[in-house]
N, C-alpha and C. Protein backbone atom coordinates (compact mmCIF):
# COMPACT_ATOMS: atom_id res chain seq x y z
N MET A 1 71.90 9.54 -26.66
CA MET A 1 72.99 9.72 -27.18
C MET A 1 73.41 9.60 -28.86
N ALA A 2 72.28 8.51 -29.47
CA ALA A 2 71.71 8.62 -30.68
C ALA A 2 71.64 10.16 -31.30
N ILE A 3 70.59 10.24 -30.82
CA ILE A 3 69.88 11.80 -31.21
C ILE A 3 71.01 12.89 -31.49
N LYS A 4 71.92 12.69 -30.60
CA LYS A 4 72.61 13.52 -30.35
C LYS A 4 73.81 13.88 -31.51
N VAL A 5 74.37 12.52 -31.87
CA VAL A 5 75.02 12.25 -33.03
C VAL A 5 74.81 12.25 -34.15
N GLY A 6 73.41 12.47 -34.39
CA GLY A 6 72.36 12.31 -35.69
C GLY A 6 72.21 10.56 -36.05
N PHE A 7 72.04 9.85 -35.52
CA PHE A 7 71.35 8.43 -36.08
C PHE A 7 70.30 8.79 -35.57
N LYS A 8 69.62 8.36 -36.24
CA LYS A 8 68.13 8.20 -36.18
C LYS A 8 67.34 6.82 -35.48
N SER A 9 68.47 6.48 -34.63
CA SER A 9 68.06 5.61 -33.27
C SER A 9 69.29 4.08 -32.84
N GLY A 10 68.93 4.36 -31.27
CA GLY A 10 69.94 3.96 -30.97
C GLY A 10 70.83 1.90 -31.74
N THR A 11 69.75 1.72 -32.19
CA THR A 11 70.67 0.45 -32.98
C THR A 11 71.43 0.37 -33.67
N CYS A 12 71.46 1.51 -34.84
CA CYS A 12 73.01 2.09 -35.23
C CYS A 12 74.31 1.97 -34.40
N ILE A 13 74.30 2.24 -32.77
CA ILE A 13 75.49 2.90 -32.42
C ILE A 13 75.59 1.33 -31.85
N LYS A 14 74.60 0.23 -31.39
CA LYS A 14 74.95 -0.91 -31.67
C LYS A 14 75.44 -1.80 -32.59
N ASP A 15 75.28 -1.74 -33.75
CA ASP A 15 76.09 -1.87 -35.03
C ASP A 15 77.37 -1.32 -35.09
N ILE A 16 77.70 -0.39 -34.06
CA ILE A 16 78.60 0.06 -34.59
C ILE A 16 80.05 -0.38 -33.77
N GLU A 17 78.78 -0.22 -31.88
CA GLU A 17 80.17 -1.87 -31.47
C GLU A 17 80.06 -2.85 -31.47
N MET A 18 79.40 -3.55 -32.16
CA MET A 18 79.55 -4.85 -32.39
C MET A 18 80.03 -5.39 -34.27
N ASN A 19 81.07 -4.20 -34.69
CA ASN A 19 81.60 -3.87 -35.64
C ASN A 19 80.57 -4.25 -36.85
N ARG A 20 79.30 -4.22 -37.08
CA ARG A 20 78.80 -4.74 -38.24
C ARG A 20 78.42 -3.41 -39.77
N LYS A 21 78.72 -1.77 -38.27
CA LYS A 21 78.48 -0.79 -39.49
C LYS A 21 79.44 -0.23 -39.46
N TYR A 22 79.86 0.51 -39.64
CA TYR A 22 81.39 1.92 -39.65
C TYR A 22 80.26 2.73 -40.02
N PRO A 23 81.16 4.03 -39.15
CA PRO A 23 80.04 5.07 -39.51
C PRO A 23 81.32 6.28 -40.33
N GLY A 24 80.01 7.24 -40.99
CA GLY A 24 80.70 7.72 -42.36
C GLY A 24 81.06 8.92 -41.97
N ARG A 25 82.03 9.72 -42.91
CA ARG A 25 82.93 10.90 -41.91
C ARG A 25 81.99 11.28 -41.12
N GLU A 26 80.77 12.32 -41.18
CA GLU A 26 80.31 12.97 -40.58
C GLU A 26 79.68 12.70 -39.61
N MET A 27 79.57 11.29 -39.25
CA MET A 27 78.89 10.69 -38.22
C MET A 27 80.40 9.80 -37.51
N SER A 28 81.26 9.76 -37.73
CA SER A 28 82.96 9.53 -36.87
C SER A 28 82.89 10.88 -36.59
N GLN A 29 82.98 11.84 -37.05
CA GLN A 29 83.11 13.19 -36.61
C GLN A 29 82.53 13.45 -35.31
N SER A 30 81.29 13.39 -35.38
CA SER A 30 80.29 13.37 -34.63
C SER A 30 80.56 12.79 -33.59
N LEU A 31 80.90 11.50 -33.29
CA LEU A 31 81.36 10.72 -32.47
C LEU A 31 82.20 11.12 -31.39
N SER A 32 83.41 11.40 -32.28
CA SER A 32 84.92 11.89 -32.15
C SER A 32 84.43 13.46 -30.99
N GLN A 33 83.37 14.02 -31.38
CA GLN A 33 83.18 15.26 -30.65
C GLN A 33 82.37 15.30 -29.09
N TYR A 34 81.33 14.19 -29.47
CA TYR A 34 80.29 13.42 -28.55
C TYR A 34 81.11 12.87 -27.45
N PHE A 35 82.53 12.50 -27.61
CA PHE A 35 83.36 11.35 -26.81
C PHE A 35 84.70 12.70 -26.51
N ASN A 36 84.86 13.37 -26.56
CA ASN A 36 85.70 14.50 -26.37
C ASN A 36 87.11 14.01 -26.98
N LEU A 37 87.21 13.00 -28.13
CA LEU A 37 88.68 12.66 -28.69
C LEU A 37 89.66 13.71 -29.26
N ASN A 38 90.66 13.41 -28.96
CA ASN A 38 91.32 14.62 -30.07
C ASN A 38 91.84 13.87 -31.29
N THR A 39 91.24 13.26 -31.93
CA THR A 39 91.06 12.82 -33.32
C THR A 39 89.73 13.41 -33.84
N LYS A 40 90.43 13.59 -35.53
CA LYS A 40 89.21 13.99 -35.80
C LYS A 40 88.23 13.34 -36.08
N TYR A 41 88.09 12.05 -36.32
CA TYR A 41 87.34 10.92 -36.09
C TYR A 41 87.52 10.04 -35.43
N PHE A 42 86.39 9.24 -35.08
CA PHE A 42 86.05 8.46 -33.73
C PHE A 42 86.56 7.06 -34.09
N TYR A 43 88.15 7.41 -33.77
CA TYR A 43 88.87 5.53 -33.68
C TYR A 43 89.16 5.32 -35.11
N ASP A 44 89.00 5.76 -35.90
CA ASP A 44 89.41 5.10 -37.56
C ASP A 44 90.72 5.70 -38.38
N GLU A 45 91.43 4.40 -38.30
CA GLU A 45 92.36 5.03 -39.04
C GLU A 45 92.99 5.74 -40.35
N TYR A 46 91.47 5.11 -41.43
CA TYR A 46 91.22 4.65 -42.72
C TYR A 46 90.46 6.46 -42.47
N LEU A 47 89.77 6.78 -41.99
CA LEU A 47 89.42 8.35 -42.50
C LEU A 47 90.31 8.65 -41.60
N GLU A 48 90.65 8.76 -40.72
CA GLU A 48 92.47 9.82 -40.71
C GLU A 48 93.39 9.82 -41.61
N ASN A 49 93.44 8.89 -42.10
CA ASN A 49 94.41 9.13 -43.12
C ASN A 49 94.00 9.52 -44.53
N THR A 50 92.97 9.40 -44.94
CA THR A 50 92.56 9.35 -46.08
C THR A 50 91.79 11.40 -45.82
N ASP A 51 91.71 12.12 -44.64
CA ASP A 51 91.42 13.20 -44.71
C ASP A 51 91.67 13.99 -45.70
N GLN A 52 93.01 14.03 -45.51
CA GLN A 52 93.62 15.31 -46.01
C GLN A 52 94.37 14.50 -47.44
N LEU A 53 93.54 13.40 -48.13
CA LEU A 53 94.16 12.66 -49.27
C LEU A 53 94.23 13.99 -50.28
N HIS A 54 93.51 14.25 -50.80
CA HIS A 54 93.64 15.04 -52.09
C HIS A 54 94.52 16.00 -52.51
N GLU A 55 95.08 16.83 -51.04
CA GLU A 55 96.48 17.66 -50.95
C GLU A 55 97.65 16.99 -50.56
N ASN A 56 97.44 15.80 -50.25
CA ASN A 56 98.70 14.85 -50.01
C ASN A 56 99.27 14.35 -51.19
N LEU A 57 98.22 14.15 -52.31
CA LEU A 57 98.10 13.31 -53.88
C LEU A 57 98.74 14.79 -54.58
N ILE A 58 98.91 15.97 -54.32
CA ILE A 58 99.12 17.14 -55.14
C ILE A 58 101.06 17.69 -54.40
N ASN A 59 100.51 17.56 -53.47
CA ASN A 59 102.23 17.07 -52.43
C ASN A 59 103.17 16.62 -53.32
N TYR A 60 102.54 15.16 -53.00
CA TYR A 60 103.30 14.45 -53.56
C TYR A 60 103.33 14.45 -55.29
N LYS A 61 102.87 14.61 -55.92
CA LYS A 61 102.87 14.95 -57.40
C LYS A 61 104.04 16.27 -57.59
N LYS A 62 104.23 17.07 -56.46
CA LYS A 62 105.20 18.50 -56.81
C LYS A 62 106.11 18.05 -56.11
N LEU A 63 106.40 16.70 -55.61
CA LEU A 63 107.54 16.73 -54.61
C LEU A 63 108.74 16.31 -55.73
N LYS A 64 109.90 16.98 -55.81
CA LYS A 64 110.67 17.14 -56.02
C LYS A 64 111.66 15.96 -55.71
N LEU A 65 112.36 14.70 -56.42
CA LEU A 65 113.51 13.71 -55.96
C LEU A 65 114.36 13.63 -56.62
N PRO A 66 115.58 13.62 -56.40
CA PRO A 66 116.66 12.89 -56.85
C PRO A 66 116.29 12.14 -58.30
N LYS A 67 117.12 11.94 -59.49
CA LYS A 67 116.77 11.04 -60.36
C LYS A 67 116.80 9.97 -60.20
N GLY A 68 115.59 8.93 -60.24
CA GLY A 68 116.02 7.45 -59.84
C GLY A 68 115.65 6.95 -58.11
N THR A 69 114.90 7.94 -57.67
CA THR A 69 114.73 8.01 -56.40
C THR A 69 113.35 8.06 -56.03
N ARG A 70 112.25 8.63 -57.25
CA ARG A 70 111.17 7.76 -57.99
C ARG A 70 110.53 6.94 -57.12
N ASP A 71 111.12 5.80 -57.39
CA ASP A 71 110.67 4.71 -57.74
C ASP A 71 110.57 4.00 -56.19
N THR A 72 111.23 4.39 -55.65
CA THR A 72 111.52 3.86 -54.15
C THR A 72 110.63 4.64 -53.10
N ILE A 73 109.99 5.56 -53.08
CA ILE A 73 108.63 6.38 -52.36
C ILE A 73 107.57 5.67 -52.59
N THR A 74 106.94 5.43 -51.28
CA THR A 74 105.84 4.38 -51.66
C THR A 74 104.44 5.29 -50.99
N PRO A 75 103.43 5.69 -51.66
CA PRO A 75 102.39 6.29 -50.84
C PRO A 75 102.42 6.37 -49.13
N SER A 76 102.45 5.32 -48.83
CA SER A 76 102.43 5.21 -46.89
C SER A 76 103.74 5.87 -46.57
N SER A 77 104.97 5.64 -47.42
CA SER A 77 105.98 6.15 -46.66
C SER A 77 106.32 7.55 -47.37
N TYR A 78 105.25 8.08 -48.03
CA TYR A 78 105.01 9.72 -48.43
C TYR A 78 104.16 10.29 -47.09
N LEU A 79 103.29 9.54 -46.49
CA LEU A 79 102.18 10.53 -45.40
C LEU A 79 103.14 10.14 -44.63
N ASN A 80 103.66 9.36 -44.28
CA ASN A 80 105.04 9.36 -42.89
C ASN A 80 105.44 10.55 -42.91
N HIS A 81 105.66 10.85 -43.89
CA HIS A 81 107.05 11.92 -43.92
C HIS A 81 106.34 12.93 -43.81
N TRP A 82 105.04 13.22 -44.46
CA TRP A 82 104.20 14.47 -43.46
C TRP A 82 103.49 14.45 -41.82
């Protein structure tokens, strides 16, 4: 399995299983595809939430809000909005 997803050895997979190492974006995508998950990344909420971060920030900047409400919007509430 290590070779199929791009690891150099099986010890890397053991490190992930024991929470000693986290896969990067490309490796996480490979693991997700290997296990036929319906998520882009392998059980990684951070990677899922930051996948479209650049586009989300641009949209956030363009968001037109009534005067005085901009201070009540937080990045997490904005991401939940989309």
